[in-house]
Protein backbone atom coordinates (compact mmCIF):
# COMPACT_ATOMS: atom_id res chain seq x y z
CA MET A 1 -20.29 5.78 37.10
CA SER A 2 -22.27 3.22 34.81
CA GLY A 3 -25.81 3.85 32.89
CA ILE A 4 -25.78 6.08 29.83
CA ARG A 5 -23.81 8.71 29.44
CA VAL A 6 -23.93 11.63 26.77
CA GLY A 7 -21.82 14.18 25.05
CA THR A 8 -19.92 15.71 21.98
CA CYS A 9 -17.45 14.98 19.70
CA SER A 10 -15.82 17.90 19.79
CA TRP A 11 -15.17 20.71 22.60
CA THR A 12 -13.01 23.28 20.30
CA ASP A 13 -14.62 22.92 16.68
CA PRO A 14 -14.08 27.27 15.63
CA THR A 15 -18.14 27.07 14.75
CA MET A 16 -18.89 25.66 17.99
CA VAL A 17 -16.73 27.95 20.20
CA ARG A 18 -18.38 31.13 18.33
CA ALA A 19 -21.94 29.75 18.92
CA TRP A 20 -21.83 27.83 22.21
CA TYR A 21 -19.30 29.65 24.68
CA PRO A 22 -20.38 32.90 26.59
CA PRO A 23 -18.26 35.64 25.38
CA ALA A 24 -16.47 35.47 28.76
CA VAL A 25 -15.39 31.78 28.15
CA ARG A 26 -12.25 32.75 25.92
CA SER A 27 -9.20 30.33 27.40
CA ALA A 28 -8.87 26.78 26.18
CA ALA A 29 -8.51 25.70 29.92
CA ASP A 30 -11.99 27.99 30.70
CA ARG A 31 -13.49 26.09 27.51
CA LEU A 32 -13.34 23.03 28.96
CA ARG A 33 -14.51 23.79 32.45
CA TYR A 34 -17.36 24.86 31.06
CA TYR A 35 -18.13 22.34 28.77
CA ALA A 36 -17.50 19.60 31.68
CA GLY A 37 -20.23 21.75 33.57
CA PHE A 38 -22.71 20.00 30.76
CA PHE A 39 -21.41 17.03 30.11
CA ASP A 40 -19.09 14.21 31.90
CA THR A 41 -17.75 12.51 28.38
CA VAL A 42 -16.24 14.36 25.38
CA GLU A 43 -14.36 12.90 22.11
CA VAL A 44 -10.82 14.22 21.07
CA ASN A 45 -11.01 14.90 17.88
CA SER A 46 -7.41 16.52 16.95
CA SER A 47 -5.79 13.46 17.91
CA TYR A 48 -6.65 12.12 14.54
CA TYR A 49 -4.40 15.20 12.75
CA GLY A 50 -1.70 14.66 15.30
CA ILE A 51 -0.23 12.73 18.10
CA PRO A 52 -1.05 14.62 21.05
CA THR A 53 1.87 15.37 23.62
CA PRO A 54 1.25 13.97 27.25
CA GLU A 55 1.19 17.43 28.00
CA ASN A 56 -1.74 17.75 26.04
CA ALA A 57 -3.50 14.65 28.06
CA ARG A 58 -2.15 16.30 31.60
CA LEU A 59 -3.88 19.45 31.00
CA TRP A 60 -7.47 17.57 29.79
CA ALA A 61 -7.50 15.73 33.28
CA GLU A 62 -6.26 18.28 35.23
CA ARG A 63 -9.16 20.78 33.62
CA THR A 64 -11.77 18.00 34.30
CA PRO A 65 -13.89 16.78 37.37
CA PRO A 66 -13.38 13.05 38.75
CA GLY A 67 -15.16 10.77 36.53
CA PHE A 68 -14.74 12.63 33.58
CA VAL A 69 -14.20 10.75 30.39
CA PHE A 70 -12.01 11.51 27.49
CA HIS A 71 -12.56 9.07 24.61
CA VAL A 72 -9.70 9.92 22.09
CA LYS A 73 -9.95 9.46 18.14
CA ALA A 74 -7.19 7.15 16.75
CA PHE A 75 -4.23 8.88 15.00
CA GLY A 76 -4.97 8.70 11.40
CA MET A 77 -2.07 6.25 10.60
CA MET A 78 -3.28 4.03 12.84
CA THR A 79 -6.64 3.54 11.10
CA ARG A 80 -4.97 3.57 7.85
CA HIS A 81 -5.41 6.77 6.57
CA GLY A 82 -3.06 8.79 4.39
CA VAL A 83 -1.07 10.93 6.52
CA LYS A 84 1.90 14.11 5.49
CA PRO A 85 5.28 13.17 6.74
CA ASP A 86 4.74 16.96 9.21
CA GLN A 87 1.90 15.25 11.02
CA LEU A 88 4.39 12.72 12.55
CA PRO A 89 5.93 13.63 16.00
CA PRO A 90 9.83 13.97 15.13
CA PRO A 91 11.18 10.89 16.29
CA LEU A 92 8.90 9.02 13.60
CA ARG A 93 9.60 11.59 10.90
CA GLU A 94 13.37 11.81 11.67
CA GLY A 95 13.40 7.52 12.33
CA HIS A 96 12.11 6.39 8.90
CA ALA A 97 12.69 6.59 5.30
CA PHE A 98 8.79 6.71 3.18
CA GLU A 99 7.57 7.42 -0.21
CA LEU A 100 5.11 9.79 -0.93
CA ASP A 101 1.65 9.78 -3.00
CA ARG A 102 0.76 12.74 -5.36
CA GLY A 103 -1.02 14.20 -2.44
CA GLY A 104 2.09 14.39 -0.46
CA ARG A 105 1.08 11.64 2.02
CA ILE A 106 2.94 8.77 3.20
CA LEU A 107 2.62 5.66 0.71
CA HIS A 108 2.48 2.21 2.46
CA PRO A 109 4.00 2.91 5.80
CA ASP A 110 6.20 0.11 7.02
CA PRO A 111 5.00 -2.05 9.64
CA ALA A 112 7.74 -0.47 12.23
CA LEU A 113 6.65 3.19 11.72
CA ARG A 114 2.63 2.12 12.02
CA ALA A 115 3.31 0.51 15.03
CA GLY A 116 5.74 3.31 16.03
CA SER A 117 2.72 5.50 15.77
CA PHE A 118 0.40 3.34 18.10
CA GLU A 119 3.23 3.56 21.13
CA LEU A 120 3.69 7.38 20.89
CA PHE A 121 0.11 7.58 20.97
CA SER A 122 -0.36 5.08 23.68
CA GLU A 123 2.49 6.93 25.76
CA ALA A 124 0.61 10.20 25.27
CA LEU A 125 -2.50 9.33 26.88
CA GLU A 126 -0.86 7.93 30.03
CA PRO A 127 -1.84 11.29 32.09
CA LEU A 128 -5.40 10.17 31.45
CA ARG A 129 -4.83 6.96 32.18
CA ALA A 130 -3.27 7.50 35.21
CA ASP A 131 -6.48 9.75 36.27
CA GLY A 132 -9.15 7.35 35.20
CA LYS A 133 -10.40 9.91 33.05
CA LEU A 134 -9.62 7.80 29.59
CA GLY A 135 -12.22 6.18 27.86
CA MET A 136 -12.31 4.34 24.43
CA ILE A 137 -9.60 4.31 21.43
CA LEU A 138 -11.99 5.40 18.44
CA MET A 139 -10.71 3.29 15.81
CA GLN A 140 -12.49 5.32 12.70
CA PHE A 141 -11.48 3.30 9.37
CA PRO A 142 -11.98 5.27 5.97
CA PRO A 143 -14.20 4.61 3.76
CA TYR A 144 -11.93 1.84 1.52
CA PHE A 145 -11.37 -0.50 4.51
CA VAL A 146 -13.39 -2.92 3.14
CA ALA A 147 -14.52 -6.08 4.76
CA ASN A 148 -12.09 -9.01 4.08
CA GLU A 149 -9.73 -11.46 5.89
CA ALA A 150 -6.55 -8.71 5.41
CA ASN A 151 -8.70 -6.40 7.38
CA ARG A 152 -10.28 -8.35 9.59
CA GLU A 153 -6.49 -9.19 11.07
CA TYR A 154 -5.50 -5.68 11.20
CA ILE A 155 -8.19 -5.14 13.54
CA ALA A 156 -7.44 -8.10 15.89
CA TRP A 157 -3.40 -6.45 15.43
CA ALA A 158 -4.50 -3.11 16.06
CA ARG A 159 -6.59 -4.38 19.28
CA ASP A 160 -3.23 -5.86 20.29
CA ARG A 161 -0.91 -3.17 20.10
CA LEU A 162 -3.69 -0.73 21.92
CA THR A 163 -4.05 -3.26 25.18
CA PRO A 164 -5.18 -2.67 27.78
CA ASP A 165 -6.99 0.44 26.41
CA ARG A 166 -10.57 -0.52 24.94
CA MET A 167 -11.34 0.28 21.30
CA ALA A 168 -14.05 1.25 19.55
CA VAL A 169 -14.66 0.40 15.76
CA GLU A 170 -16.52 2.50 12.93
CA PHE A 171 -16.65 1.33 9.80
CA ARG A 172 -17.52 3.71 7.15
CA HIS A 173 -17.77 1.27 4.20
CA ASN A 174 -21.34 -0.86 4.23
CA SER A 175 -19.63 -3.97 3.47
CA TRP A 176 -18.89 -4.63 6.94
CA VAL A 177 -22.52 -4.91 7.85
CA GLN A 178 -24.14 -6.17 5.01
CA PRO A 179 -26.89 -9.53 5.72
CA GLU A 180 -24.16 -12.05 5.05
CA MET A 181 -21.08 -10.01 6.69
CA LEU A 182 -22.74 -8.70 9.79
CA GLU A 183 -22.57 -11.50 11.69
CA ASP A 184 -19.42 -12.43 11.19
CA THR A 185 -18.40 -8.26 11.83
CA LEU A 186 -19.86 -8.38 15.35
CA ASP A 187 -18.15 -11.63 16.07
CA LEU A 188 -15.25 -10.83 15.21
CA LEU A 189 -15.44 -7.20 17.75
CA THR A 190 -16.77 -9.31 20.17
CA GLY A 191 -13.87 -11.50 20.41
CA LEU A 192 -12.01 -8.94 20.65
CA GLY A 193 -13.58 -7.02 23.62
CA ALA A 194 -13.75 -3.81 21.38
CA SER A 195 -17.39 -1.95 20.84
CA TYR A 196 -19.24 -1.61 17.43
CA VAL A 197 -19.97 1.88 16.87
CA CYS A 198 -23.48 2.52 15.95
CA VAL A 199 -24.02 5.70 13.93
CA ASP A 200 -26.77 7.58 12.71
CA GLU A 201 -26.06 8.84 9.23
CA PRO A 202 -27.66 10.22 5.94
CA ARG A 203 -30.04 7.53 5.17
CA MET A 204 -28.86 7.26 1.20
CA GLN A 205 -27.82 4.84 -0.72
CA THR A 206 -23.91 4.83 -0.84
CA ALA A 207 -21.54 2.57 0.55
CA ASN A 208 -20.08 4.86 2.95
CA ALA A 209 -23.35 5.36 4.83
CA LEU A 210 -23.96 2.96 7.30
CA PRO A 211 -27.74 1.64 8.35
CA PRO A 212 -28.77 2.83 11.90
CA ILE A 213 -27.80 -0.72 13.76
CA SER A 214 -27.94 -1.24 17.33
CA ALA A 215 -25.24 -3.82 18.51
CA ALA A 216 -23.37 -4.39 21.79
CA THR A 217 -20.29 -6.67 21.31
CA SER A 218 -18.27 -5.48 24.92
CA ASP A 219 -19.21 -4.19 28.05
CA ILE A 220 -19.65 -0.62 26.35
CA GLY A 221 -22.02 0.19 24.27
CA TYR A 222 -21.15 3.25 21.65
CA VAL A 223 -23.54 5.37 19.69
CA ARG A 224 -22.60 8.42 17.37
CA PHE A 225 -24.74 10.94 15.70
CA SER A 226 -23.42 12.58 12.62
CA GLY A 227 -26.17 13.92 10.89
CA ARG A 228 -28.56 12.87 8.14
CA ASN A 229 -27.08 15.73 5.70
CA ALA A 230 -26.97 14.20 2.39
CA ASP A 231 -26.03 16.90 0.23
CA THR A 232 -22.68 17.38 2.21
CA TRP A 233 -22.00 13.60 3.23
CA ASN A 234 -19.97 13.42 -0.18
CA ALA A 235 -19.60 16.55 -1.21
CA ARG A 236 -16.10 19.10 -0.99
CA VAL A 237 -16.64 21.29 1.95
CA PRO A 238 -14.39 23.40 3.98
CA SER A 239 -14.08 21.83 6.96
CA ALA A 240 -15.80 18.33 8.70
CA ALA A 241 -18.07 20.86 10.40
CA GLU A 242 -19.73 21.64 7.28
CA ARG A 243 -20.13 17.67 6.36
CA PHE A 244 -21.90 16.98 9.22
CA ARG A 245 -24.07 20.50 9.83
CA TYR A 246 -27.23 19.17 10.43
CA LEU A 247 -29.32 19.98 13.49
CA TYR A 248 -31.66 16.86 14.30
CA ASP A 249 -35.21 17.65 15.10
CA GLU A 250 -37.03 15.89 18.40
CA PRO A 251 -38.52 13.00 16.63
CA GLU A 252 -35.46 11.56 14.58
CA LEU A 253 -33.69 11.65 18.51
CA LYS A 254 -36.68 9.54 20.04
CA GLU A 255 -36.32 6.85 17.08
CA TRP A 256 -33.25 5.89 19.37
CA VAL A 257 -34.43 6.42 22.69
CA GLU A 258 -35.37 2.68 22.87
CA PRO A 259 -32.51 1.41 20.84
CA ILE A 260 -29.80 3.14 23.19
CA ARG A 261 -32.02 1.97 26.08
CA ALA A 262 -31.62 -1.61 24.93
CA LEU A 263 -28.24 -1.08 24.12
CA SER A 264 -27.63 0.28 27.95
CA GLY A 265 -29.51 -3.14 29.12
CA GLN A 266 -26.75 -5.20 27.64
CA THR A 267 -23.63 -3.06 28.30
CA ASP A 268 -22.25 -1.12 31.98
CA THR A 269 -21.92 1.80 30.29
CA THR A 270 -23.09 2.95 26.70
CA TYR A 271 -21.76 6.57 25.62
CA VAL A 272 -23.92 8.65 23.28
CA MET A 273 -21.90 11.29 21.68
CA PHE A 274 -23.06 13.95 18.83
CA ASN A 275 -20.55 14.20 15.79
CA ASN A 276 -22.84 17.15 14.55
CA CYS A 277 -20.52 19.90 15.29
CA PHE A 278 -21.29 22.37 14.03
CA ALA A 279 -22.51 25.76 15.84
CA ASP A 280 -24.26 24.82 19.00
CA TYR A 281 -25.61 21.81 17.31
CA ALA A 282 -23.81 19.07 18.66
CA PRO A 283 -24.39 20.12 22.71
CA ARG A 284 -27.86 21.34 21.73
CA ASN A 285 -28.97 17.74 20.76
CA ALA A 286 -26.81 16.10 23.27
CA ARG A 287 -29.00 17.91 26.13
CA GLN A 288 -32.48 17.22 24.24
CA MET A 289 -31.06 13.50 24.06
CA MET A 290 -30.15 13.50 28.03
CA SER A 291 -33.78 15.14 28.28
CA LEU A 292 -35.47 12.11 26.54
CA LEU A 293 -33.18 9.62 28.25
CA ASP A 294 -33.73 10.99 31.50
CA VAL A 295 -29.94 11.54 32.26
CA ALA A 296 -29.05 14.04 34.67
CA PRO A 297 -26.35 16.76 33.77
CA PRO A 298 -23.33 16.39 35.76
CA ASP A 299 -23.56 17.30 39.77
CA SER A 300 -27.37 17.39 39.34
């Protein structure tokens, strides 16, 4: 399939489970099948917190129809986030020595440990890959991952580790998109065949909120809507769902119709993903956007 495809950045968030799924849809299998009746693509978010198992990936593939696409968020260690030892699979936890910071996170993991996380992550996704259902690997870098040469080199190193899978890069520090840096950033991703993740976030003056830039750096476009809740963006909140607790109104969604269509004209496929996964906000806004973009639901 080509063109524009719309989905959400989770199908399992507890608030979404309570608000969006009918009471009779209770099991993990039934929830994914129900979701696939409305959308033909989704992000896997749990993989950021722990590397999935091949069994997880096999079940995801079995429970979705042909042509369904999973984008998988990279494990935290892969994107230079701090992780705790109990988040590592046993082969990595038992095979390496590491120092912990005051929060119990692994401090300066050695290159072999980080490379090992890429290897196990890739192996886990083989059932999706074999079934033609693996989309992008979402590399969402932390707010302290600033634009400098060492981090540019790390992105290229990560690209090599992920080959042959496709990589989408989401920056969370605006140094990457400052006027004097934007062209170099987009050229870097273009040279690596990686997709720049276009974001919609709170319109606020803070380093970790990026402006709404629409750019194609590969044959796949990727847009993520994380809401515009400035009050929770940098606040201590109980969960990610609370941080992204924002329901877009139709005029806000319409702001993106022409940029998404333009992006689609420069790519083979453009994915539009809603990360405001609080209650039914993400699926509700995703269906609104499908209507605005004239994207038909699956099997319609």
